[in-house]
Amino acid sequence: MKILSVSLIAVALLLAGCGEKAAQKTTQAVNEVSNVVAAPANYLGAVVDAKKSSEKKIDVAYINQALQLFNVQEGHYPKTLQELTPNYIGKIPELPIGYKLDYDAVKGEVKVVAN
């Protein structure tokens, strides 16, 4: 009878220890499923952010190139970016909300900065 009692206690302790590991594995599995479910939304958000970033860089490069061309042809940088239209660029690009163009007429450089 003592052997049976000791065996039952040993089995109970063994199962109790497995319960924590099983709970950890279950939590890990739930987190992995959550990551898989959220992955498309995270991916799309990253794509949108990358697109906005690349558009800002392209717009700035395009404007800086137009400024250099203006300087070569006119002998000076324009006082404002509006002087570039329509001969050097079609229009001043629209930036996302919260950003503006910072134009330095002395250096002939344009940067996109946060408001």
Protein backbone atom coordinates (compact mmCIF):
# COMPACT_ATOMS: atom_id res chain seq x y z
CA MET A 1 0.00 0.00 0.00
CA LYS A 2 2.88 2.36 0.79
CA ILE A 3 4.41 1.67 -2.61
CA LEU A 4 1.12 2.52 -4.31
CA SER A 5 0.78 5.77 -2.35
CA VAL A 6 4.35 6.81 -3.12
CA SER A 7 3.85 5.93 -6.77
CA LEU A 8 0.66 8.02 -6.96
CA ILE A 9 2.39 10.99 -5.31
CA ALA A 10 5.32 10.70 -7.75
CA VAL A 11 2.95 10.57 -10.72
CA ALA A 12 0.99 13.55 -9.37
CA LEU A 13 4.18 15.60 -8.97
CA LEU A 14 5.33 14.62 -12.40
CA LEU A 15 2.02 15.69 -13.94
CA ALA A 16 2.04 18.94 -11.98
CA GLY A 17 5.45 19.78 -13.43
CA CYS A 18 4.23 19.01 -16.95
CA GLY A 19 1.28 21.31 -16.43
CA GLU A 20 3.49 24.42 -16.31
CA LYS A 21 5.34 23.41 -19.45
CA ALA A 22 2.07 22.66 -21.19
CA ALA A 23 0.71 26.06 -20.15
CA GLN A 24 3.84 27.76 -21.47
CA LYS A 25 3.58 25.88 -24.75
CA THR A 26 -0.10 26.81 -25.03
CA THR A 27 0.70 30.48 -24.38
CA GLN A 28 3.49 30.35 -26.96
CA ALA A 29 1.16 28.73 -29.50
CA VAL A 30 -1.49 31.41 -28.90
CA ASN A 31 1.12 34.15 -29.39
CA GLU A 32 2.32 32.56 -32.63
CA VAL A 33 -1.26 32.36 -33.92
CA SER A 34 -1.80 36.01 -32.95
CA ASN A 35 1.35 36.97 -34.86
CA VAL A 36 0.17 35.03 -37.90
CA VAL A 37 -3.25 36.69 -37.76
CA ALA A 38 -1.75 40.17 -37.37
CA ALA A 39 0.96 39.63 -40.01
CA PRO A 40 -1.08 40.87 -43.01
CA ALA A 41 -2.01 44.09 -41.20
CA ASN A 42 1.58 44.64 -40.06
CA TYR A 43 2.84 44.00 -43.59
CA LEU A 44 0.39 46.42 -45.17
CA GLY A 45 1.25 49.08 -42.60
CA ALA A 46 4.95 48.67 -43.36
CA VAL A 47 4.30 48.90 -47.12
CA VAL A 48 2.31 52.12 -46.71
CA ASP A 49 5.04 53.65 -44.53
CA ALA A 50 7.73 52.66 -47.02
CA LYS A 51 5.73 54.13 -49.89
CA LYS A 52 5.30 57.45 -48.08
CA SER A 53 9.00 57.55 -47.23
CA SER A 54 10.09 56.78 -50.78
CA GLU A 55 7.70 59.36 -52.23
CA LYS A 56 9.14 62.06 -49.95
CA LYS A 57 12.69 61.17 -50.99
CA ILE A 58 11.80 61.12 -54.68
CA ASP A 59 10.02 64.45 -54.47
CA VAL A 60 12.98 66.07 -52.73
CA ALA A 61 15.47 64.65 -55.21
CA TYR A 62 13.28 65.82 -58.09
CA ILE A 63 13.05 69.33 -56.68
CA ASN A 64 16.78 69.52 -55.88
CA GLN A 65 17.56 68.48 -59.44
CA ALA A 66 15.24 71.21 -60.74
CA LEU A 67 16.97 73.73 -58.46
CA GLN A 68 20.37 72.83 -59.89
CA LEU A 69 19.05 73.16 -63.44
CA PHE A 70 17.48 76.54 -62.58
CA ASN A 71 20.82 77.70 -61.14
CA VAL A 72 22.74 76.64 -64.24
CA GLN A 73 20.32 78.32 -66.64
CA GLU A 74 19.46 81.45 -64.62
CA GLY A 75 22.75 81.98 -62.77
CA HIS A 76 21.11 81.96 -59.31
CA TYR A 77 18.78 79.90 -57.17
CA PRO A 78 15.12 80.90 -57.12
CA LYS A 79 13.88 82.99 -54.19
CA THR A 80 10.91 80.67 -53.76
CA LEU A 81 10.03 77.20 -55.00
CA GLN A 82 7.13 78.69 -56.97
CA GLU A 83 9.67 80.11 -59.45
CA LEU A 84 10.40 76.53 -60.56
CA THR A 85 6.89 76.07 -61.96
CA PRO A 86 6.00 75.44 -64.80
CA ASN A 87 9.37 75.52 -66.62
CA TYR A 88 11.39 73.27 -64.29
CA ILE A 89 8.73 71.22 -62.49
CA GLY A 90 5.05 70.81 -63.23
CA LYS A 91 3.90 71.65 -59.70
CA ILE A 92 5.14 71.67 -56.14
CA PRO A 93 4.41 68.18 -54.76
CA GLU A 94 1.83 67.68 -52.03
CA LEU A 95 3.27 66.21 -48.86
CA PRO A 96 1.58 64.03 -46.26
CA ILE A 97 -0.08 65.80 -43.35
CA GLY A 98 2.47 66.85 -40.76
CA TYR A 99 5.31 67.49 -43.23
CA LYS A 100 6.53 70.56 -45.10
CA LEU A 101 9.25 71.53 -47.52
CA ASP A 102 12.14 73.50 -46.05
CA TYR A 103 13.86 75.49 -48.82
CA ASP A 104 17.25 77.14 -48.33
CA ALA A 105 17.63 79.70 -51.14
CA VAL A 106 21.31 80.31 -50.35
CA LYS A 107 22.37 76.66 -50.67
CA GLY A 108 19.67 75.75 -53.18
CA GLU A 109 18.49 72.75 -51.16
CA VAL A 110 15.09 71.41 -50.22
CA LYS A 111 14.40 69.08 -47.31
CA VAL A 112 11.22 67.44 -46.08
CA VAL A 113 10.75 68.21 -42.38
CA ALA A 114 8.06 67.40 -39.86
CA ASN A 115 5.90 70.31 -38.72
